[in-house]
Protein backbone atom coordinates (compact mmCIF):
# COMPACT_ATOMS: atom_id res chain seq x y z
CA MET A 1 29.31 -8.63 -4.42
CA GLY A 2 30.22 -5.36 -6.19
CA GLN A 3 29.17 -1.84 -5.28
CA ASP A 4 27.62 0.47 -7.88
CA ALA A 5 27.71 4.27 -8.04
CA SER A 6 24.58 4.64 -5.88
CA GLY A 7 26.26 2.88 -2.98
CA LEU A 8 24.18 -0.24 -3.52
CA PHE A 9 25.73 -3.66 -3.74
CA SER A 10 24.74 -5.73 -6.71
CA GLY A 11 22.60 -8.60 -5.60
CA THR A 12 21.06 -6.63 -2.75
CA ARG A 13 17.49 -6.75 -3.87
CA GLY A 14 15.34 -8.71 -1.48
CA SER A 15 11.82 -9.72 -2.25
CA ALA A 16 9.51 -6.84 -1.49
CA ASN A 17 7.47 -7.22 1.69
CA SER A 18 9.46 -10.27 2.77
CA PRO A 19 9.78 -10.40 6.55
CA TYR A 20 13.07 -12.28 6.11
CA HIS A 21 14.79 -9.37 4.36
CA ARG A 22 13.71 -6.81 6.94
CA ASP A 23 14.66 -9.10 9.83
CA ALA A 24 17.04 -7.46 12.32
CA LYS A 25 19.61 -10.30 12.23
CA VAL A 26 19.70 -10.31 8.44
CA MET A 27 20.07 -6.54 8.34
CA GLN A 28 22.81 -6.58 11.00
CA SER A 29 24.75 -9.22 9.08
CA ARG A 30 24.44 -7.30 5.80
CA VAL A 31 25.52 -3.97 7.27
CA LYS A 32 28.52 -5.60 8.99
CA GLU A 33 29.61 -7.12 5.68
CA TRP A 34 29.18 -3.76 3.94
CA ALA A 35 31.10 -1.92 6.68
CA ILE A 36 34.08 -4.27 6.33
CA GLY A 37 34.24 -3.52 2.60
CA GLU A 38 33.74 0.19 3.17
CA LYS A 39 36.60 0.29 5.72
CA GLU A 40 38.87 -1.38 3.14
CA ARG A 41 37.76 1.03 0.40
CA LEU A 42 38.25 4.07 2.63
CA GLY A 43 41.68 2.85 3.75
CA LYS A 44 42.80 2.93 0.12
CA LYS A 45 41.54 6.52 -0.25
CA SER A 46 42.22 8.11 3.12
CA GLU A 47 43.30 6.67 6.46
CA ARG A 48 41.70 9.70 8.12
CA GLN A 49 38.26 8.92 6.61
CA LYS A 50 38.70 5.26 7.54
CA ASP A 51 39.55 6.20 11.15
CA GLN A 52 36.58 8.59 11.37
CA PHE A 53 34.15 5.93 10.07
CA ASN A 54 32.47 4.90 13.32
CA THR A 55 28.86 4.18 12.33
CA ALA A 56 27.13 2.31 9.48
CA THR A 57 23.45 1.97 8.63
CA ILE A 58 21.49 -0.30 6.35
CA VAL A 59 18.06 0.72 5.08
CA TYR A 60 15.60 -1.78 3.64
CA ASP A 61 12.79 -0.49 1.41
CA ASN A 62 9.86 -2.78 2.13
CA GLU A 63 8.10 -1.74 -1.09
CA THR A 64 10.89 -2.46 -3.56
CA GLY A 65 13.06 -4.92 -1.64
CA ARG A 66 16.16 -2.76 -2.13
CA TYR A 67 18.90 -2.12 0.42
CA PHE A 68 20.80 1.14 0.88
CA TYR A 69 23.92 1.70 2.99
CA GLY A 70 25.31 4.75 4.71
CA ARG A 71 28.13 5.85 6.97
CA ASN A 72 28.70 8.78 9.24
CA GLY A 73 29.89 11.78 7.24
CA GLY A 74 28.91 10.07 4.00
CA VAL A 75 26.49 12.72 2.72
CA PHE A 76 29.21 15.35 3.01
CA GLN A 77 32.18 13.26 1.86
CA GLU A 78 30.37 11.85 -1.18
CA ASN A 79 28.64 15.14 -2.05
CA ASP A 80 25.31 13.33 -2.36
CA LEU A 81 22.27 15.22 -3.58
CA ARG A 82 20.53 16.27 -0.37
CA ASN A 83 16.93 15.13 -0.51
CA PRO A 84 14.50 17.94 0.44
CA GLN A 85 12.45 15.53 2.59
CA ILE A 86 15.46 15.45 4.95
CA PHE A 87 17.30 18.70 4.31
CA GLY A 88 16.13 22.24 3.78
CA GLU A 89 13.27 24.42 4.85
CA ASN A 90 10.64 21.65 4.96
CA GLY A 91 13.01 18.79 5.77
CA VAL A 92 12.66 16.55 8.82
CA LEU A 93 16.02 17.41 10.39
CA PRO A 94 15.76 19.76 13.38
CA PRO A 95 16.47 23.46 12.70
CA LYS A 96 19.75 23.18 14.59
CA SER A 97 21.74 20.23 15.88
CA LEU A 98 20.55 18.66 19.11
CA ASN A 99 24.03 17.23 19.83
CA LYS A 100 27.68 17.92 19.01
CA TYR A 101 27.44 16.67 15.40
CA ASP A 102 26.61 18.59 12.25
CA LEU A 103 23.09 18.07 10.93
CA GLY A 104 23.17 15.36 8.28
CA ASN A 105 26.42 13.79 9.52
CA CYS A 106 24.80 10.51 10.58
CA ALA A 107 24.93 7.16 8.83
CA GLU A 108 21.12 6.97 9.08
CA VAL A 109 20.81 10.24 7.14
CA HIS A 110 23.25 9.02 4.48
CA ALA A 111 21.40 5.73 3.90
CA ILE A 112 17.88 7.20 4.08
CA ASN A 113 18.94 10.04 1.77
CA LYS A 114 20.09 7.45 -0.80
CA ALA A 115 16.81 5.55 -0.46
CA LEU A 116 14.69 8.68 -0.92
CA ASN A 117 16.80 9.81 -3.88
CA SER A 118 16.06 6.42 -5.45
CA GLY A 119 12.31 6.93 -5.08
CA ALA A 120 11.64 5.17 -1.76
CA LYS A 121 8.94 6.39 0.60
CA MET A 122 10.07 7.10 4.13
CA GLU A 123 7.19 5.12 5.65
CA ASN A 124 8.40 1.91 3.93
CA LEU A 125 11.91 1.97 5.41
CA PHE A 126 13.44 -0.34 8.01
CA ILE A 127 16.87 0.59 9.43
CA PHE A 128 19.64 -1.06 11.41
CA THR A 129 22.68 0.89 12.63
CA ILE A 130 25.97 -0.48 13.99
CA HIS A 131 29.19 0.75 15.55
CA THR A 132 32.20 0.33 13.26
CA THR A 133 34.91 1.08 15.81
CA PRO A 134 37.38 -1.74 16.58
CA LYS A 135 36.15 -2.07 20.17
CA SER A 136 32.41 -2.32 19.32
CA PHE A 137 32.36 -3.37 15.66
CA GLY A 138 28.98 -4.74 14.61
CA GLN A 139 27.18 -3.89 17.85
CA PRO A 140 23.76 -2.20 17.46
CA LYS A 141 23.75 1.56 17.86
CA PRO A 142 20.62 3.60 18.63
CA ALA A 143 19.84 6.74 16.64
CA CYS A 144 21.15 10.04 18.01
CA GLN A 145 18.93 12.95 19.03
CA ASN A 146 18.99 14.48 15.53
CA CYS A 147 17.96 11.23 13.83
CA THR A 148 15.37 10.47 16.50
CA HIS A 149 13.82 13.89 15.87
CA ALA A 150 13.97 13.41 12.10
CA PHE A 151 12.85 9.81 11.61
CA LYS A 152 10.96 8.50 14.67
CA GLY A 153 7.34 8.02 13.64
CA ARG A 154 8.23 8.55 9.97
CA ILE A 155 9.96 5.29 9.06
CA GLN A 156 8.49 1.81 9.40
CA LYS A 157 10.99 0.50 12.00
CA ASN A 158 14.34 1.25 13.56
CA HIS A 159 15.66 -2.09 14.81
CA THR A 160 18.34 -0.41 16.94
CA GLY A 161 16.16 2.10 18.76
CA TRP A 162 15.85 5.81 19.40
CA THR A 163 17.45 8.24 21.84
CA GLU A 164 14.94 9.73 24.24
């Protein structure tokens, strides 16, 4: 399975509206597989980036059947185009960070940003987020305060939950 410039893996198109492809176990398995490859890729570029990679998210677009992947810090490190639905004056991110992390740092933001930049609608998205640290690798991780503020009630489903 090869990765293209958009961060998608070839062969990652599900069948649109298929409950199987938006299933939590399927999404968890896919994001774990992606995270393993991403750790290897980052290790070849920068051990520091590899060590700082602690969260991965998969997004499934229920309309198109496409998957998108993201990692913490990815929007900044990859210099992705920042979608105005997330960033900016009318974006869904809070005006200032609700925790110790920079706005937009999260894996959820990276993956959803890729999906929106590819034409997805926020209300069609399913997400699953995992820890990528050695101690907790692959374990579900709920969205932080910033992502809860930004995406709760706007996406179809977050399989790993929200921070209250």
